[in-house]
PDB file of N, CA and C in Angstrom:
ATOM      1  N   SER A   1      -6.223   5.854   8.987  1.00  0.00           N
ATOM      2  CA  SER A   1      -6.726   6.934   9.930  1.00  0.00           C
ATOM      3  C   SER A   1      -5.469   7.668  10.454  1.00  0.00           C
ATOM      4  N   GLY A   2      -5.654   8.932  10.703  1.00  0.00           N
ATOM      5  CA  GLY A   2      -4.604   9.805  11.310  1.00  0.00           C
ATOM      6  C   GLY A   2      -3.780  10.433  10.077  1.00  0.00           C
ATOM      7  N   PRO A   3      -2.899  11.313  10.417  1.00  0.00           N
ATOM      8  CA  PRO A   3      -2.093  11.971   9.368  1.00  0.00           C
ATOM      9  C   PRO A   3      -1.029  11.035   8.738  1.00  0.00           C
ATOM     10  N   VAL A   4      -0.761  11.333   7.451  1.00  0.00           N
ATOM     11  CA  VAL A   4       0.217  10.610   6.690  1.00  0.00           C
ATOM     12  C   VAL A   4       1.603  11.011   7.171  1.00  0.00           C
ATOM     13  N   VAL A   5       2.390  10.059   7.483  1.00  0.00           N
ATOM     14  CA  VAL A   5       3.812  10.295   7.865  1.00  0.00           C
ATOM     15  C   VAL A   5       4.715   9.723   6.817  1.00  0.00           C
ATOM     16  N   ASN A   6       5.538  10.436   6.142  1.00  0.00           N
ATOM     17  CA  ASN A   6       6.598  10.016   5.210  1.00  0.00           C
ATOM     18  C   ASN A   6       7.925  10.123   6.028  1.00  0.00           C
ATOM     19  N   ALA A   7       8.562   8.883   6.247  1.00  0.00           N
ATOM     20  CA  ALA A   7       9.770   8.922   6.924  1.00  0.00           C
ATOM     21  C   ALA A   7      10.635   7.864   6.375  1.00  0.00           C
ATOM     22  N   LEU A   8      11.610   8.163   5.575  1.00  0.00           N
ATOM     23  CA  LEU A   8      12.524   7.195   5.020  1.00  0.00           C
ATOM     24  C   LEU A   8      13.874   7.373   5.701  1.00  0.00           C
ATOM     25  N   GLN A   9      14.477   6.244   5.958  1.00  0.00           N
ATOM     26  CA  GLN A   9      15.758   6.197   6.580  1.00  0.00           C
ATOM     27  C   GLN A   9      16.630   5.317   5.683  1.00  0.00           C
ATOM     28  N   TRP A  10      17.884   5.627   5.613  1.00  0.00           N
ATOM     29  CA  TRP A  10      18.874   4.850   4.721  1.00  0.00           C
ATOM     30  C   TRP A  10      20.183   4.570   5.467  1.00  0.00           C
ATOM     31  N   GLN A  11      20.889   3.550   4.937  1.00  0.00           N
ATOM     32  CA  GLN A  11      22.202   3.256   5.505  1.00  0.00           C
ATOM     33  C   GLN A  11      22.933   2.567   4.359  1.00  0.00           C
ATOM     34  N   PRO A  12      24.293   2.774   4.283  1.00  0.00           N
ATOM     35  CA  PRO A  12      24.989   2.013   3.299  1.00  0.00           C
ATOM     36  C   PRO A  12      25.105   0.497   3.563  1.00  0.00           C
ATOM     37  N   CYS A  13      25.324  -0.241   2.673  1.00  0.00           N
ATOM     38  CA  CYS A  13      25.539  -1.595   2.865  1.00  0.00           C
ATOM     39  C   CYS A  13      26.600  -2.176   1.930  1.00  0.00           C
ATOM     40  N   GLN A  14      26.983  -3.338   2.123  1.00  0.00           N
ATOM     41  CA  GLN A  14      28.127  -3.977   1.330  1.00  0.00           C
ATOM     42  C   GLN A  14      27.522  -4.513   0.045  1.00  0.00           C
ATOM     43  N   PRO A  15      28.021  -4.103  -1.060  1.00  0.00           N
ATOM     44  CA  PRO A  15      27.684  -4.828  -2.405  1.00  0.00           C
ATOM     45  C   PRO A  15      27.946  -6.313  -2.149  1.00  0.00           C
ATOM     46  N   ALA A  16      27.004  -7.077  -2.677  1.00  0.00           N
ATOM     47  CA  ALA A  16      27.065  -8.544  -2.717  1.00  0.00           C
ATOM     48  C   ALA A  16      28.163  -9.002  -3.669  1.00  0.00           C
ATOM     49  N   ALA A  17      29.017  -9.863  -3.259  1.00  0.00           N
ATOM     50  CA  ALA A  17      30.027 -10.515  -4.138  1.00  0.00           C
ATOM     51  C   ALA A  17      29.395 -11.450  -5.106  1.00  0.00           C
ATOM     52  N   ARG A  18      29.495 -11.251  -6.259  1.00  0.00           N
ATOM     53  CA  ARG A  18      28.980 -12.101  -7.329  1.00  0.00           C
ATOM     54  C   ARG A  18      29.987 -12.962  -8.069  1.00  0.00           C
ATOM     55  N   PRO A  19      30.071 -14.263  -7.838  1.00  0.00           N
ATOM     56  CA  PRO A  19      31.157 -15.007  -8.655  1.00  0.00           C
ATOM     57  C   PRO A  19      31.067 -14.865 -10.095  1.00  0.00           C
ATOM     58  N   GLY A  20      32.148 -14.560 -10.703  1.00  0.00           N
ATOM     59  CA  GLY A  20      32.318 -14.420 -12.085  1.00  0.00           C
ATOM     60  C   GLY A  20      31.849 -13.071 -12.594  1.00  0.00           C
ATOM     61  N   ALA A  21      31.257 -12.275 -11.882  1.00  0.00           N
ATOM     62  CA  ALA A  21      30.837 -11.069 -12.317  1.00  0.00           C
ATOM     63  C   ALA A  21      31.960 -10.024 -12.336  1.00  0.00           C
ATOM     64  N   ALA A  22      31.812  -9.025 -13.401  1.00  0.00           N
ATOM     65  CA  ALA A  22      32.819  -8.006 -13.473  1.00  0.00           C
ATOM     66  C   ALA A  22      32.718  -7.135 -12.208  1.00  0.00           C
ATOM     67  N   THR A  23      33.869  -6.635 -11.781  1.00  0.00           N
ATOM     68  CA  THR A  23      33.800  -5.773 -10.502  1.00  0.00           C
ATOM     69  C   THR A  23      33.641  -4.287 -10.905  1.00  0.00           C
ATOM     70  N   ALA A  24      32.552  -3.999 -11.454  1.00  0.00           N
ATOM     71  CA  ALA A  24      32.210  -2.544 -11.789  1.00  0.00           C
ATOM     72  C   ALA A  24      31.922  -1.925 -10.515  1.00  0.00           C
ATOM     73  N   PRO A  25      32.303  -0.725 -10.440  1.00  0.00           N
ATOM     74  CA  PRO A  25      31.907   0.049  -9.002  1.00  0.00           C
ATOM     75  C   PRO A  25      30.474   0.227  -8.928  1.00  0.00           C
ATOM     76  N   GLU A  26      30.066  -0.078  -7.661  1.00  0.00           N
ATOM     77  CA  GLU A  26      28.677   0.217  -7.342  1.00  0.00           C
ATOM     78  C   GLU A  26      28.541   0.616  -5.862  1.00  0.00           C
ATOM     79  N   ALA A  27      27.325   1.318  -5.750  1.00  0.00           N
ATOM     80  CA  ALA A  27      27.072   1.700  -4.290  1.00  0.00           C
ATOM     81  C   ALA A  27      25.981   0.872  -3.784  1.00  0.00           C
ATOM     82  N   CYS A  28      25.853   0.458  -2.522  1.00  0.00           N
ATOM     83  CA  CYS A  28      24.818  -0.332  -2.003  1.00  0.00           C
ATOM     84  C   CYS A  28      24.076   0.529  -0.849  1.00  0.00           C
ATOM     85  N   VAL A  29      22.849   0.717  -0.912  1.00  0.00           N
ATOM     86  CA  VAL A  29      22.038   1.372   0.058  1.00  0.00           C
ATOM     87  C   VAL A  29      20.912   0.586   0.529  1.00  0.00           C
ATOM     88  N   ARG A  30      20.491   0.537   1.744  1.00  0.00           N
ATOM     89  CA  ARG A  30      19.285  -0.040   2.310  1.00  0.00           C
ATOM     90  C   ARG A  30      18.450   1.072   2.870  1.00  0.00           C
ATOM     91  N   ILE A  31      17.137   0.977   2.358  1.00  0.00           N
ATOM     92  CA  ILE A  31      16.163   1.964   2.794  1.00  0.00           C
ATOM     93  C   ILE A  31      15.177   1.312   3.548  1.00  0.00           C
ATOM     94  N   LEU A  32      14.820   1.990   4.729  1.00  0.00           N
ATOM     95  CA  LEU A  32      13.846   1.563   5.592  1.00  0.00           C
ATOM     96  C   LEU A  32      12.694   2.674   5.557  1.00  0.00           C
ATOM     97  N   ASN A  33      11.425   2.137   5.295  1.00  0.00           N
ATOM     98  CA  ASN A  33      10.225   2.923   5.389  1.00  0.00           C
ATOM     99  C   ASN A  33       9.653   3.114   6.852  1.00  0.00           C
ATOM    100  N   ALA A  34      10.160   4.049   7.507  1.00  0.00           N
ATOM    101  CA  ALA A  34       9.726   4.330   8.902  1.00  0.00           C
ATOM    102  C   ALA A  34       8.429   4.991   8.971  1.00  0.00           C
ATOM    103  N   GLY A  35       7.777   5.296   7.900  1.00  0.00           N
ATOM    104  CA  GLY A  35       6.416   6.016   7.844  1.00  0.00           C
ATOM    105  C   GLY A  35       5.308   5.135   8.077  1.00  0.00           C
ATOM    106  N   ASN A  36       4.153   5.646   7.850  1.00  0.00           N
ATOM    107  CA  ASN A  36       2.950   4.867   8.032  1.00  0.00           C
ATOM    108  C   ASN A  36       2.080   4.551   6.799  1.00  0.00           C
ATOM    109  N   ARG A  37       2.750   4.671   5.623  1.00  0.00           N
ATOM    110  CA  ARG A  37       2.074   4.265   4.394  1.00  0.00           C
ATOM    111  C   ARG A  37       3.226   3.822   3.490  1.00  0.00           C
ATOM    112  N   ARG A  38       2.796   3.052   2.416  1.00  0.00           N
ATOM    113  CA  ARG A  38       3.774   2.579   1.469  1.00  0.00           C
ATOM    114  C   ARG A  38       4.382   3.632   0.698  1.00  0.00           C
ATOM    115  N   VAL A  39       5.607   3.497   0.119  1.00  0.00           N
ATOM    116  CA  VAL A  39       6.202   4.422  -0.717  1.00  0.00           C
ATOM    117  C   VAL A  39       6.632   3.668  -2.007  1.00  0.00           C
ATOM    118  N   LYS A  40       6.131   4.215  -3.127  1.00  0.00           N
ATOM    119  CA  LYS A  40       6.458   3.643  -4.469  1.00  0.00           C
ATOM    120  C   LYS A  40       7.671   4.545  -5.039  1.00  0.00           C
ATOM    121  N   VAL A  41       8.813   3.875  -5.040  1.00  0.00           N
ATOM    122  CA  VAL A  41      10.045   4.510  -5.451  1.00  0.00           C
ATOM    123  C   VAL A  41      10.084   4.456  -6.968  1.00  0.00           C
ATOM    124  N   LYS A  42      10.247   5.673  -7.501  1.00  0.00           N
ATOM    125  CA  LYS A  42      10.378   5.810  -9.116  1.00  0.00           C
ATOM    126  C   LYS A  42      11.889   6.100  -9.406  1.00  0.00           C
ATOM    127  N   THR A  43      12.619   7.012  -8.569  1.00  0.00           N
ATOM    128  CA  THR A  43      13.931   7.323  -8.776  1.00  0.00           C
ATOM    129  C   THR A  43      14.692   7.494  -7.430  1.00  0.00           C
ATOM    130  N   LEU A  44      15.876   6.885  -7.329  1.00  0.00           N
ATOM    131  CA  LEU A  44      16.770   7.052  -6.244  1.00  0.00           C
ATOM    132  C   LEU A  44      17.929   7.931  -6.741  1.00  0.00           C
ATOM    133  N   THR A  45      18.224   9.036  -5.938  1.00  0.00           N
ATOM    134  CA  THR A  45      19.469   9.840  -6.262  1.00  0.00           C
ATOM    135  C   THR A  45      20.445   9.817  -5.114  1.00  0.00           C
ATOM    136  N   LEU A  46      21.428   9.148  -5.328  1.00  0.00           N
ATOM    137  CA  LEU A  46      22.404   8.881  -4.411  1.00  0.00           C
ATOM    138  C   LEU A  46      23.629   9.956  -4.577  1.00  0.00           C
ATOM    139  N   SER A  47      24.108  10.524  -3.498  1.00  0.00           N
ATOM    140  CA  SER A  47      25.233  11.436  -3.671  1.00  0.00           C
ATOM    141  C   SER A  47      26.435  11.182  -2.694  1.00  0.00           C
ATOM    142  N   GLY A  48      27.518  11.540  -3.182  1.00  0.00           N
ATOM    143  CA  GLY A  48      28.667  11.478  -2.295  1.00  0.00           C
ATOM    144  C   GLY A  48      29.539  12.719  -2.368  1.00  0.00           C
ATOM    145  N   ASP A  49      30.772  12.717  -2.067  1.00  0.00           N
ATOM    146  CA  ASP A  49      31.606  13.808  -2.047  1.00  0.00           C
ATOM    147  C   ASP A  49      32.075  14.125  -3.511  1.00  0.00           C
ATOM    148  N   GLY A  50      31.469  15.009  -4.106  1.00  0.00           N
ATOM    149  CA  GLY A  50      31.732  15.453  -5.537  1.00  0.00           C
ATOM    150  C   GLY A  50      31.056  14.583  -6.612  1.00  0.00           C
ATOM    151  N   TRP A  51      30.125  13.749  -6.210  1.00  0.00           N
ATOM    152  CA  TRP A  51      29.474  12.926  -7.326  1.00  0.00           C
ATOM    153  C   TRP A  51      27.901  12.771  -6.908  1.00  0.00           C
ATOM    154  N   GLN A  52      27.171  12.492  -7.910  1.00  0.00           N
ATOM    155  CA  GLN A  52      25.794  12.189  -7.805  1.00  0.00           C
ATOM    156  C   GLN A  52      25.358  11.139  -8.779  1.00  0.00           C
ATOM    157  N   GLN A  53      24.488  10.205  -8.452  1.00  0.00           N
ATOM    158  CA  GLN A  53      24.129   9.152  -9.462  1.00  0.00           C
ATOM    159  C   GLN A  53      22.685   8.679  -9.121  1.00  0.00           C
ATOM    160  N   ALA A  54      21.913   8.729 -10.230  1.00  0.00           N
ATOM    161  CA  ALA A  54      20.358   8.440 -10.164  1.00  0.00           C
ATOM    162  C   ALA A  54      20.123   7.152 -10.777  1.00  0.00           C
ATOM    163  N   LEU A  55      19.221   6.411 -10.158  1.00  0.00           N
ATOM    164  CA  LEU A  55      18.738   5.095 -10.596  1.00  0.00           C
ATOM    165  C   LEU A  55      17.230   5.146 -10.787  1.00  0.00           C
ATOM    166  N   GLU A  56      16.790   4.835 -11.984  1.00  0.00           N
ATOM    167  CA  GLU A  56      15.407   5.062 -12.269  1.00  0.00           C
ATOM    168  C   GLU A  56      14.670   3.654 -12.309  1.00  0.00           C
ATOM    169  N   GLU A  57      13.677   3.540 -11.557  1.00  0.00           N
ATOM    170  CA  GLU A  57      12.763   2.312 -11.580  1.00  0.00           C
ATOM    171  C   GLU A  57      11.616   2.565 -12.486  1.00  0.00           C
ATOM    172  N   LYS A  58      11.549   1.930 -13.671  1.00  0.00           N
ATOM    173  CA  LYS A  58      10.535   2.292 -14.599  1.00  0.00           C
ATOM    174  C   LYS A  58       9.131   2.091 -14.091  1.00  0.00           C
ATOM    175  N   ASP A  59       8.901   0.879 -13.453  1.00  0.00           N
ATOM    176  CA  ASP A  59       7.604   0.679 -13.005  1.00  0.00           C
ATOM    177  C   ASP A  59       7.404   0.966 -11.473  1.00  0.00           C
ATOM    178  N   GLY A  60       8.416   1.328 -10.844  1.00  0.00           N
ATOM    179  CA  GLY A  60       8.396   1.762  -9.484  1.00  0.00           C
ATOM    180  C   GLY A  60       8.563   0.466  -8.584  1.00  0.00           C
ATOM    181  N   ILE A  61       9.099   0.702  -7.431  1.00  0.00           N
ATOM    182  CA  ILE A  61       9.361  -0.400  -6.444  1.00  0.00           C
ATOM    183  C   ILE A  61       8.696   0.096  -5.163  1.00  0.00           C
ATOM    184  N   ASN A  62       7.697  -0.718  -4.623  1.00  0.00           N
ATOM    185  CA  ASN A  62       7.171  -0.528  -3.374  1.00  0.00           C
ATOM    186  C   ASN A  62       7.996  -0.771  -2.114  1.00  0.00           C
ATOM    187  N   ILE A  63       7.961   0.051  -1.138  1.00  0.00           N
ATOM    188  CA  ILE A  63       8.549  -0.241   0.267  1.00  0.00           C
ATOM    189  C   ILE A  63       7.308  -0.110   1.111  1.00  0.00           C
ATOM    190  N   LEU A  64       6.833  -1.175   1.689  1.00  0.00           N
ATOM    191  CA  LEU A  64       5.659  -1.042   2.648  1.00  0.00           C
ATOM    192  C   LEU A  64       6.115  -0.378   3.858  1.00  0.00           C
ATOM    193  N   ALA A  65       5.213   0.196   4.674  1.00  0.00           N
ATOM    194  CA  ALA A  65       5.463   0.735   5.865  1.00  0.00           C
ATOM    195  C   ALA A  65       6.108  -0.261   6.807  1.00  0.00           C
ATOM    196  N   GLY A  66       7.245   0.061   7.346  1.00  0.00           N
ATOM    197  CA  GLY A  66       8.002  -0.829   8.385  1.00  0.00           C
ATOM    198  C   GLY A  66       8.888  -1.843   7.647  1.00  0.00           C
ATOM    199  N   ALA A  67       8.886  -1.745   6.352  1.00  0.00           N
ATOM    200  CA  ALA A  67       9.800  -2.734   5.596  1.00  0.00           C
ATOM    201  C   ALA A  67      10.985  -2.022   5.179  1.00  0.00           C
ATOM    202  N   GLN A  68      11.914  -2.780   4.588  1.00  0.00           N
ATOM    203  CA  GLN A  68      13.158  -2.171   4.035  1.00  0.00           C
ATOM    204  C   GLN A  68      13.460  -2.949   2.777  1.00  0.00           C
ATOM    205  N   ARG A  69      14.239  -2.308   1.839  1.00  0.00           N
ATOM    206  CA  ARG A  69      14.701  -2.776   0.618  1.00  0.00           C
ATOM    207  C   ARG A  69      16.214  -2.379   0.429  1.00  0.00           C
ATOM    208  N   GLU A  70      16.917  -3.164  -0.407  1.00  0.00           N
ATOM    209  CA  GLU A  70      18.218  -2.762  -0.724  1.00  0.00           C
ATOM    210  C   GLU A  70      18.444  -2.535  -2.194  1.00  0.00           C
ATOM    211  N   TRP A  71      19.186  -1.498  -2.492  1.00  0.00           N
ATOM    212  CA  TRP A  71      19.468  -1.238  -4.016  1.00  0.00           C
ATOM    213  C   TRP A  71      20.926  -1.176  -4.213  1.00  0.00           C
ATOM    214  N   HIS A  72      21.469  -1.638  -5.375  1.00  0.00           N
ATOM    215  CA  HIS A  72      22.737  -1.701  -5.816  1.00  0.00           C
ATOM    216  C   HIS A  72      22.777  -0.640  -6.948  1.00  0.00           C
ATOM    217  N   ILE A  73      23.467   0.392  -6.862  1.00  0.00           N
ATOM    218  CA  ILE A  73      23.467   1.474  -7.875  1.00  0.00           C
ATOM    219  C   ILE A  73      24.857   1.440  -8.559  1.00  0.00           C
ATOM    220  N   PRO A  74      24.890   1.273  -9.868  1.00  0.00           N
ATOM    221  CA  PRO A  74      26.096   1.353 -10.527  1.00  0.00           C
ATOM    222  C   PRO A  74      26.738   2.820 -10.585  1.00  0.00           C
ATOM    223  N   LEU A  75      27.967   2.849 -10.294  1.00  0.00           N
ATOM    224  CA  LEU A  75      28.673   4.169 -10.357  1.00  0.00           C
ATOM    225  C   LEU A  75      29.538   4.331 -11.564  1.00  0.00           C
ATOM    226  N   LYS A  76      29.705   5.469 -12.004  1.00  0.00           N
ATOM    227  CA  LYS A  76      30.477   5.842 -13.161  1.00  0.00           C
ATOM    228  C   LYS A  76      32.021   6.047 -12.627  1.00  0.00           C
ATOM    229  N   ALA A  77      32.899   5.957 -13.619  1.00  0.00           N
ATOM    230  CA  ALA A  77      34.344   6.199 -13.267  1.00  0.00           C
ATOM    231  C   ALA A  77      34.511   7.435 -12.536  1.00  0.00           C
ATOM    232  N   GLY A  78      35.349   7.413 -11.551  1.00  0.00           N
ATOM    233  CA  GLY A  78      35.588   8.578 -10.786  1.00  0.00           C
ATOM    234  C   GLY A  78      34.678   8.889  -9.659  1.00  0.00           C
ATOM    235  N   GLN A  79      33.568   8.152  -9.529  1.00  0.00           N
ATOM    236  CA  GLN A  79      32.648   8.330  -8.388  1.00  0.00           C
ATOM    237  C   GLN A  79      33.042   7.403  -7.267  1.00  0.00           C
ATOM    238  N   ILE A  80      33.997   7.922  -6.392  1.00  0.00           N
ATOM    239  CA  ILE A  80      34.407   7.058  -5.298  1.00  0.00           C
ATOM    240  C   ILE A  80      34.027   7.685  -3.875  1.00  0.00           C
ATOM    241  N   GLY A  81      34.160   6.963  -2.958  1.00  0.00           N
ATOM    242  CA  GLY A  81      33.822   7.374  -1.596  1.00  0.00           C
ATOM    243  C   GLY A  81      32.458   6.912  -1.240  1.00  0.00           C
ATOM    244  N   PRO A  82      32.132   6.869  -0.018  1.00  0.00           N
ATOM    245  CA  PRO A  82      30.782   6.444   0.569  1.00  0.00           C
ATOM    246  C   PRO A  82      29.714   7.408   0.174  1.00  0.00           C
ATOM    247  N   PRO A  83      28.627   6.890   0.101  1.00  0.00           N
ATOM    248  CA  PRO A  83      27.314   7.719  -0.129  1.00  0.00           C
ATOM    249  C   PRO A  83      27.138   8.664   1.035  1.00  0.00           C
ATOM    250  N   ARG A  84      26.726   9.828   0.786  1.00  0.00           N
ATOM    251  CA  ARG A  84      26.440  10.831   1.835  1.00  0.00           C
ATOM    252  C   ARG A  84      25.000  11.263   1.946  1.00  0.00           C
ATOM    253  N   GLY A  85      24.278  11.101   0.927  1.00  0.00           N
ATOM    254  CA  GLY A  85      22.914  11.622   0.887  1.00  0.00           C
ATOM    255  C   GLY A  85      22.063  10.767  -0.007  1.00  0.00           C
ATOM    256  N   LEU A  86      20.751  10.691   0.174  1.00  0.00           N
ATOM    257  CA  LEU A  86      19.859   9.990  -0.669  1.00  0.00           C
ATOM    258  C   LEU A  86      18.480  10.658  -0.825  1.00  0.00           C
ATOM    259  N   GLN A  87      17.941  10.896  -2.006  1.00  0.00           N
ATOM    260  CA  GLN A  87      16.686  11.490  -2.291  1.00  0.00           C
ATOM    261  C   GLN A  87      15.936  10.355  -3.018  1.00  0.00           C
ATOM    262  N   VAL A  88      14.585  10.436  -2.779  1.00  0.00           N
ATOM    263  CA  VAL A  88      13.675   9.451  -3.405  1.00  0.00           C
ATOM    264  C   VAL A  88      12.617  10.222  -4.062  1.00  0.00           C
ATOM    265  N   PHE A  89      12.357   9.786  -5.374  1.00  0.00           N
ATOM    266  CA  PHE A  89      11.217  10.562  -5.971  1.00  0.00           C
ATOM    267  C   PHE A  89      10.344   9.495  -6.200  1.00  0.00           C
ATOM    268  N   THR A  90       9.045   9.774  -5.690  1.00  0.00           N
ATOM    269  CA  THR A  90       7.934   8.773  -5.536  1.00  0.00           C
ATOM    270  C   THR A  90       7.023   8.816  -6.835  1.00  0.00           C
ATOM    271  N   ALA A  91       6.249   7.712  -6.934  1.00  0.00           N
ATOM    272  CA  ALA A  91       5.147   7.662  -7.943  1.00  0.00           C
ATOM    273  C   ALA A  91       4.015   8.752  -7.665  1.00  0.00           C
ATOM    274  N   ARG A  92       3.995   9.219  -6.580  1.00  0.00           N
ATOM    275  CA  ARG A  92       2.995  10.360  -6.278  1.00  0.00           C
ATOM    276  C   ARG A  92       3.565  11.723  -6.573  1.00  0.00           C
ATOM    277  N   GLY A  93       4.805  11.806  -7.086  1.00  0.00           N
ATOM    278  CA  GLY A  93       5.306  13.032  -7.460  1.00  0.00           C
ATOM    279  C   GLY A  93       6.067  13.670  -6.351  1.00  0.00           C
ATOM    280  N   GLU A  94       6.329  13.036  -5.222  1.00  0.00           N
ATOM    281  CA  GLU A  94       6.977  13.587  -4.123  1.00  0.00           C
ATOM    282  C   GLU A  94       8.414  13.435  -4.116  1.00  0.00           C
ATOM    283  N   MET A  95       9.191  14.358  -3.663  1.00  0.00           N
ATOM    284  CA  MET A  95      10.673  14.160  -3.470  1.00  0.00           C
ATOM    285  C   MET A  95      10.936  14.093  -2.027  1.00  0.00           C
ATOM    286  N   LEU A  96      11.308  12.922  -1.583  1.00  0.00           N
ATOM    287  CA  LEU A  96      11.547  12.626  -0.101  1.00  0.00           C
ATOM    288  C   LEU A  96      12.996  12.654   0.198  1.00  0.00           C
ATOM    289  N   GLN A  97      13.452  13.384   1.209  1.00  0.00           N
ATOM    290  CA  GLN A  97      14.879  13.287   1.544  1.00  0.00           C
ATOM    291  C   GLN A  97      15.011  12.154   2.652  1.00  0.00           C
ATOM    292  N   ALA A  98      15.715  11.214   2.380  1.00  0.00           N
ATOM    293  CA  ALA A  98      15.868  10.131   3.227  1.00  0.00           C
ATOM    294  C   ALA A  98      16.985  10.506   4.290  1.00  0.00           C
ATOM    295  N   GLU A  99      16.804  10.189   5.575  1.00  0.00           N
ATOM    296  CA  GLU A  99      17.714  10.441   6.646  1.00  0.00           C
ATOM    297  C   GLU A  99      18.642   9.368   6.799  1.00  0.00           C
ATOM    298  N   ALA A 100      19.976   9.641   7.007  1.00  0.00           N
ATOM    299  CA  ALA A 100      21.028   8.539   7.205  1.00  0.00           C
ATOM    300  C   ALA A 100      20.693   8.085   8.691  1.00  0.00           C
ATOM    301  N   SER A 101      20.827   6.701   8.822  1.00  0.00           N
ATOM    302  CA  SER A 101      20.462   6.133  10.083  1.00  0.00           C
ATOM    303  C   SER A 101      21.283   4.874  10.273  1.00  0.00           C
ATOM    304  N   THR A 102      21.241   4.204  11.451  1.00  0.00           N
ATOM    305  CA  THR A 102      21.881   3.027  11.772  1.00  0.00           C
ATOM    306  C   THR A 102      20.820   1.988  12.177  1.00  0.00           C
ATOM    307  N   PHE A 103      19.618   1.892  11.557  1.00  0.00           N
ATOM    308  CA  PHE A 103      18.586   1.061  12.003  1.00  0.00           C
ATOM    309  C   PHE A 103      18.884  -0.294  12.100  1.00  0.00           C
TER     310      PHE A 103
END
């Protein structure tokens, strides 16, 4: 009941150290669904200073209202610096601009 509120917030996180794994560059982002309905993520597009990288989730990943999830996004050579922006394309065909936060 009531109007649907889409409100995604994100913050950078530290990539997990994996013993024995190659140290390929990656960005880590944590997304909080501060809205009042679940969001099924199909594509994340992360951008930084002079770079942009998309990560596609074939079957989609749900983030329930009030919940958070973490993604590790492989970066290409030359994509350096912290992420500055995040867009989420949902299974409903919506493009949501996530707001940077310190939740």
